[in-house]
PDB file of N, CA and C in Angstrom:
ATOM      1  N   UNK A   1       2.758 -52.869 -48.914  1.00  0.00           N
ATOM      2  CA  UNK A   1       4.054 -52.325 -48.575  1.00  0.00           C
ATOM      3  C   UNK A   1       4.850 -53.327 -47.738  1.00  0.00           C
ATOM      4  N   UNK A   2       6.097 -53.222 -47.862  1.00  0.00           N
ATOM      5  CA  UNK A   2       6.973 -54.083 -47.091  1.00  0.00           C
ATOM      6  C   UNK A   2       6.990 -53.626 -45.628  1.00  0.00           C
ATOM      7  N   UNK A   3       7.083 -54.574 -44.726  1.00  0.00           N
ATOM      8  CA  UNK A   3       7.016 -54.272 -43.297  1.00  0.00           C
ATOM      9  C   UNK A   3       8.085 -53.264 -42.875  1.00  0.00           C
ATOM     10  N   UNK A   4       9.287 -53.420 -43.389  1.00  0.00           N
ATOM     11  CA  UNK A   4      10.371 -52.520 -43.014  1.00  0.00           C
ATOM     12  C   UNK A   4      10.057 -51.078 -43.429  1.00  0.00           C
ATOM     13  N   UNK A   5       9.450 -50.923 -44.599  1.00  0.00           N
ATOM     14  CA  UNK A   5       9.093 -49.598 -45.091  1.00  0.00           C
ATOM     15  C   UNK A   5       7.982 -48.983 -44.245  1.00  0.00           C
ATOM     16  N   UNK A   6       7.026 -49.804 -43.825  1.00  0.00           N
ATOM     17  CA  UNK A   6       5.945 -49.312 -42.969  1.00  0.00           C
ATOM     18  C   UNK A   6       6.501 -48.837 -41.641  1.00  0.00           C
ATOM     19  N   UNK A   7       7.413 -49.602 -41.062  1.00  0.00           N
ATOM     20  CA  UNK A   7       8.002 -49.211 -39.785  1.00  0.00           C
ATOM     21  C   UNK A   7       8.810 -47.924 -39.918  1.00  0.00           C
ATOM     22  N   UNK A   8       9.486 -47.747 -41.027  1.00  0.00           N
ATOM     23  CA  UNK A   8      10.241 -46.509 -41.250  1.00  0.00           C
ATOM     24  C   UNK A   8       9.314 -45.313 -41.381  1.00  0.00           C
ATOM     25  N   UNK A   9       8.127 -45.524 -41.937  1.00  0.00           N
ATOM     26  CA  UNK A   9       7.150 -44.434 -42.028  1.00  0.00           C
ATOM     27  C   UNK A   9       6.503 -44.147 -40.672  1.00  0.00           C
ATOM     28  N   UNK A  10       6.298 -45.187 -39.879  1.00  0.00           N
ATOM     29  CA  UNK A  10       5.658 -45.013 -38.584  1.00  0.00           C
ATOM     30  C   UNK A  10       6.576 -44.397 -37.531  1.00  0.00           C
ATOM     31  N   UNK A  11       7.869 -44.579 -37.666  1.00  0.00           N
ATOM     32  CA  UNK A  11       8.805 -44.097 -36.645  1.00  0.00           C
ATOM     33  C   UNK A  11       8.702 -42.593 -36.395  1.00  0.00           C
ATOM     34  N   UNK A  12       8.751 -41.737 -37.429  1.00  0.00           N
ATOM     35  CA  UNK A  12       8.625 -40.296 -37.135  1.00  0.00           C
ATOM     36  C   UNK A  12       7.261 -39.936 -36.537  1.00  0.00           C
ATOM     37  N   UNK A  13       6.219 -40.627 -36.967  1.00  0.00           N
ATOM     38  CA  UNK A  13       4.884 -40.364 -36.430  1.00  0.00           C
ATOM     39  C   UNK A  13       4.838 -40.707 -34.943  1.00  0.00           C
ATOM     40  N   UNK A  14       5.401 -41.844 -34.589  1.00  0.00           N
ATOM     41  CA  UNK A  14       5.402 -42.277 -33.190  1.00  0.00           C
ATOM     42  C   UNK A  14       6.259 -41.342 -32.335  1.00  0.00           C
ATOM     43  N   UNK A  15       7.367 -40.873 -32.859  1.00  0.00           N
ATOM     44  CA  UNK A  15       8.219 -39.948 -32.103  1.00  0.00           C
ATOM     45  C   UNK A  15       7.483 -38.631 -31.853  1.00  0.00           C
ATOM     46  N   UNK A  16       6.802 -38.111 -32.871  1.00  0.00           N
ATOM     47  CA  UNK A  16       6.033 -36.876 -32.707  1.00  0.00           C
ATOM     48  C   UNK A  16       4.919 -37.078 -31.683  1.00  0.00           C
ATOM     49  N   UNK A  17       4.232 -38.214 -31.760  1.00  0.00           N
ATOM     50  CA  UNK A  17       3.165 -38.493 -30.802  1.00  0.00           C
ATOM     51  C   UNK A  17       3.710 -38.641 -29.385  1.00  0.00           C
ATOM     52  N   UNK A  18       4.892 -39.216 -29.249  1.00  0.00           N
ATOM     53  CA  UNK A  18       5.499 -39.349 -27.921  1.00  0.00           C
ATOM     54  C   UNK A  18       5.834 -37.974 -27.336  1.00  0.00           C
ATOM     55  N   UNK A  19       6.294 -37.070 -28.173  1.00  0.00           N
ATOM     56  CA  UNK A  19       6.586 -35.706 -27.710  1.00  0.00           C
ATOM     57  C   UNK A  19       5.290 -35.011 -27.296  1.00  0.00           C
ATOM     58  N   UNK A  20       4.238 -35.146 -28.099  1.00  0.00           N
ATOM     59  CA  UNK A  20       2.944 -34.556 -27.745  1.00  0.00           C
ATOM     60  C   UNK A  20       2.408 -35.142 -26.442  1.00  0.00           C
ATOM     61  N   UNK A  21       2.583 -36.440 -26.263  1.00  0.00           N
ATOM     62  CA  UNK A  21       2.148 -37.107 -25.029  1.00  0.00           C
ATOM     63  C   UNK A  21       2.866 -36.515 -23.823  1.00  0.00           C
ATOM     64  N   UNK A  22       4.175 -36.352 -23.952  1.00  0.00           N
ATOM     65  CA  UNK A  22       4.971 -35.800 -22.862  1.00  0.00           C
ATOM     66  C   UNK A  22       4.562 -34.358 -22.564  1.00  0.00           C
ATOM     67  N   UNK A  23       4.354 -33.571 -23.611  1.00  0.00           N
ATOM     68  CA  UNK A  23       3.924 -32.192 -23.404  1.00  0.00           C
ATOM     69  C   UNK A  23       2.555 -32.127 -22.740  1.00  0.00           C
ATOM     70  N   UNK A  24       1.700 -33.091 -23.049  1.00  0.00           N
ATOM     71  CA  UNK A  24       0.403 -33.151 -22.399  1.00  0.00           C
ATOM     72  C   UNK A  24       0.515 -33.499 -20.929  1.00  0.00           C
ATOM     73  N   UNK A  25       1.443 -34.378 -20.583  1.00  0.00           N
ATOM     74  CA  UNK A  25       1.639 -34.731 -19.174  1.00  0.00           C
ATOM     75  C   UNK A  25       2.227 -33.571 -18.386  1.00  0.00           C
ATOM     76  N   UNK A  26       3.109 -32.828 -19.035  1.00  0.00           N
ATOM     77  CA  UNK A  26       3.727 -31.685 -18.364  1.00  0.00           C
ATOM     78  C   UNK A  26       2.711 -30.558 -18.175  1.00  0.00           C
ATOM     79  N   UNK A  27       1.778 -30.430 -19.107  1.00  0.00           N
ATOM     80  CA  UNK A  27       0.759 -29.393 -18.987  1.00  0.00           C
ATOM     81  C   UNK A  27       0.891 -28.292 -20.006  1.00  0.00           C
ATOM     82  N   UNK A  28       1.829 -28.428 -20.924  1.00  0.00           N
ATOM     83  CA  UNK A  28       2.008 -27.414 -21.959  1.00  0.00           C
ATOM     84  C   UNK A  28       0.879 -27.509 -22.986  1.00  0.00           C
ATOM     85  N   UNK A  29       0.480 -28.724 -23.294  1.00  0.00           N
ATOM     86  CA  UNK A  29      -0.628 -28.984 -24.208  1.00  0.00           C
ATOM     87  C   UNK A  29      -1.770 -29.550 -23.367  1.00  0.00           C
ATOM     88  N   UNK A  30      -2.986 -29.455 -23.868  1.00  0.00           N
ATOM     89  CA  UNK A  30      -4.126 -29.995 -23.128  1.00  0.00           C
ATOM     90  C   UNK A  30      -3.931 -31.482 -22.858  1.00  0.00           C
ATOM     91  N   UNK A  31      -4.339 -31.927 -21.672  1.00  0.00           N
ATOM     92  CA  UNK A  31      -4.147 -33.325 -21.293  1.00  0.00           C
ATOM     93  C   UNK A  31      -4.931 -34.271 -22.203  1.00  0.00           C
ATOM     94  N   UNK A  32      -5.999 -33.795 -22.820  1.00  0.00           N
ATOM     95  CA  UNK A  32      -6.785 -34.657 -23.709  1.00  0.00           C
ATOM     96  C   UNK A  32      -5.956 -35.129 -24.897  1.00  0.00           C
ATOM     97  N   UNK A  33      -4.940 -34.348 -25.266  1.00  0.00           N
ATOM     98  CA  UNK A  33      -4.036 -34.776 -26.345  1.00  0.00           C
ATOM     99  C   UNK A  33      -3.334 -36.064 -25.923  1.00  0.00           C
ATOM    100  N   UNK A  34      -2.841 -36.115 -24.702  1.00  0.00           N
ATOM    101  CA  UNK A  34      -2.179 -37.322 -24.198  1.00  0.00           C
ATOM    102  C   UNK A  34      -3.143 -38.498 -24.170  1.00  0.00           C
ATOM    103  N   UNK A  35      -4.374 -38.218 -23.814  1.00  0.00           N
ATOM    104  CA  UNK A  35      -5.397 -39.256 -23.766  1.00  0.00           C
ATOM    105  C   UNK A  35      -5.614 -39.869 -25.145  1.00  0.00           C
ATOM    106  N   UNK A  36      -5.780 -39.037 -26.156  1.00  0.00           N
ATOM    107  CA  UNK A  36      -6.012 -39.540 -27.506  1.00  0.00           C
ATOM    108  C   UNK A  36      -4.764 -40.189 -28.108  1.00  0.00           C
ATOM    109  N   UNK A  37      -3.594 -39.694 -27.767  1.00  0.00           N
ATOM    110  CA  UNK A  37      -2.350 -40.324 -28.223  1.00  0.00           C
ATOM    111  C   UNK A  37      -2.251 -41.726 -27.633  1.00  0.00           C
ATOM    112  N   UNK A  38      -2.603 -41.877 -26.367  1.00  0.00           N
ATOM    113  CA  UNK A  38      -2.573 -43.194 -25.726  1.00  0.00           C
ATOM    114  C   UNK A  38      -3.509 -44.161 -26.426  1.00  0.00           C
ATOM    115  N   UNK A  39      -4.716 -43.715 -26.721  1.00  0.00           N
ATOM    116  CA  UNK A  39      -5.681 -44.570 -27.417  1.00  0.00           C
ATOM    117  C   UNK A  39      -5.160 -44.957 -28.798  1.00  0.00           C
ATOM    118  N   UNK A  40      -4.587 -44.001 -29.520  1.00  0.00           N
ATOM    119  CA  UNK A  40      -4.038 -44.294 -30.845  1.00  0.00           C
ATOM    120  C   UNK A  40      -2.900 -45.301 -30.759  1.00  0.00           C
ATOM    121  N   UNK A  41      -2.018 -45.139 -29.773  1.00  0.00           N
ATOM    122  CA  UNK A  41      -0.882 -46.063 -29.620  1.00  0.00           C
ATOM    123  C   UNK A  41      -1.366 -47.479 -29.295  1.00  0.00           C
ATOM    124  N   UNK A  42      -2.405 -47.598 -28.489  1.00  0.00           N
ATOM    125  CA  UNK A  42      -2.942 -48.918 -28.169  1.00  0.00           C
ATOM    126  C   UNK A  42      -3.489 -49.583 -29.419  1.00  0.00           C
ATOM    127  N   UNK A  43      -4.266 -48.835 -30.208  1.00  0.00           N
ATOM    128  CA  UNK A  43      -4.799 -49.395 -31.447  1.00  0.00           C
ATOM    129  C   UNK A  43      -3.694 -49.743 -32.437  1.00  0.00           C
ATOM    130  N   UNK A  44      -2.666 -48.907 -32.521  1.00  0.00           N
ATOM    131  CA  UNK A  44      -1.544 -49.188 -33.406  1.00  0.00           C
ATOM    132  C   UNK A  44      -0.826 -50.460 -32.976  1.00  0.00           C
ATOM    133  N   UNK A  45      -0.606 -50.619 -31.673  1.00  0.00           N
ATOM    134  CA  UNK A  45       0.049 -51.816 -31.157  1.00  0.00           C
ATOM    135  C   UNK A  45      -0.771 -53.066 -31.483  1.00  0.00           C
ATOM    136  N   UNK A  46      -2.079 -52.998 -31.237  1.00  0.00           N
ATOM    137  CA  UNK A  46      -2.944 -54.148 -31.512  1.00  0.00           C
ATOM    138  C   UNK A  46      -2.938 -54.478 -33.000  1.00  0.00           C
ATOM    139  N   UNK A  47      -3.018 -53.451 -33.845  1.00  0.00           N
ATOM    140  CA  UNK A  47      -3.012 -53.687 -35.288  1.00  0.00           C
ATOM    141  C   UNK A  47      -1.703 -54.317 -35.752  1.00  0.00           C
ATOM    142  N   UNK A  48      -0.582 -53.815 -35.265  1.00  0.00           N
ATOM    143  CA  UNK A  48       0.717 -54.362 -35.686  1.00  0.00           C
ATOM    144  C   UNK A  48       0.906 -55.793 -35.196  1.00  0.00           C
ATOM    145  N   UNK A  49       0.450 -56.093 -33.988  1.00  0.00           N
ATOM    146  CA  UNK A  49       0.533 -57.473 -33.493  1.00  0.00           C
ATOM    147  C   UNK A  49      -0.350 -58.402 -34.323  1.00  0.00           C
ATOM    148  N   UNK A  50      -1.554 -57.925 -34.640  1.00  0.00           N
ATOM    149  CA  UNK A  50      -2.489 -58.718 -35.438  1.00  0.00           C
ATOM    150  C   UNK A  50      -1.920 -58.974 -36.830  1.00  0.00           C
ATOM    151  N   UNK A  51      -1.321 -57.944 -37.421  1.00  0.00           N
ATOM    152  CA  UNK A  51      -0.750 -58.095 -38.756  1.00  0.00           C
ATOM    153  C   UNK A  51       0.445 -59.057 -38.732  1.00  0.00           C
ATOM    154  N   UNK A  52       1.243 -59.003 -37.690  1.00  0.00           N
ATOM    155  CA  UNK A  52       2.395 -59.903 -37.582  1.00  0.00           C
ATOM    156  C   UNK A  52       1.937 -61.347 -37.439  1.00  0.00           C
ATOM    157  N   UNK A  53       0.868 -61.573 -36.722  1.00  0.00           N
ATOM    158  CA  UNK A  53       0.355 -62.948 -36.573  1.00  0.00           C
ATOM    159  C   UNK A  53      -0.240 -63.470 -37.865  1.00  0.00           C
ATOM    160  N   UNK A  54      -0.829 -62.594 -38.662  1.00  0.00           N
ATOM    161  CA  UNK A  54      -1.417 -63.014 -39.936  1.00  0.00           C
ATOM    162  C   UNK A  54      -0.347 -63.373 -40.965  1.00  0.00           C
ATOM    163  N   UNK A  55       0.832 -62.753 -40.830  1.00  0.00           N
ATOM    164  CA  UNK A  55       1.927 -63.023 -41.781  1.00  0.00           C
ATOM    165  C   UNK A  55       2.536 -64.393 -41.551  1.00  0.00           C
ATOM    166  N   UNK A  56       2.410 -64.957 -40.340  1.00  0.00           N
ATOM    167  CA  UNK A  56       3.020 -66.264 -40.032  1.00  0.00           C
ATOM    168  C   UNK A  56       2.369 -67.371 -40.754  1.00  0.00           C
TER     169      UNK A  56
END
């Protein structure tokens, strides 16, 4: 897939995860949700950086 298309698919997912993270910090959702969202975001960031370096 083209990078631009992947980013367009990831944007709604990241926005939903950011909302879940915020709700977890506020206490509406279990805090473990925020914990797992954080771990997922870290892995996503590492993967996207790694993929960008491989494209060069």
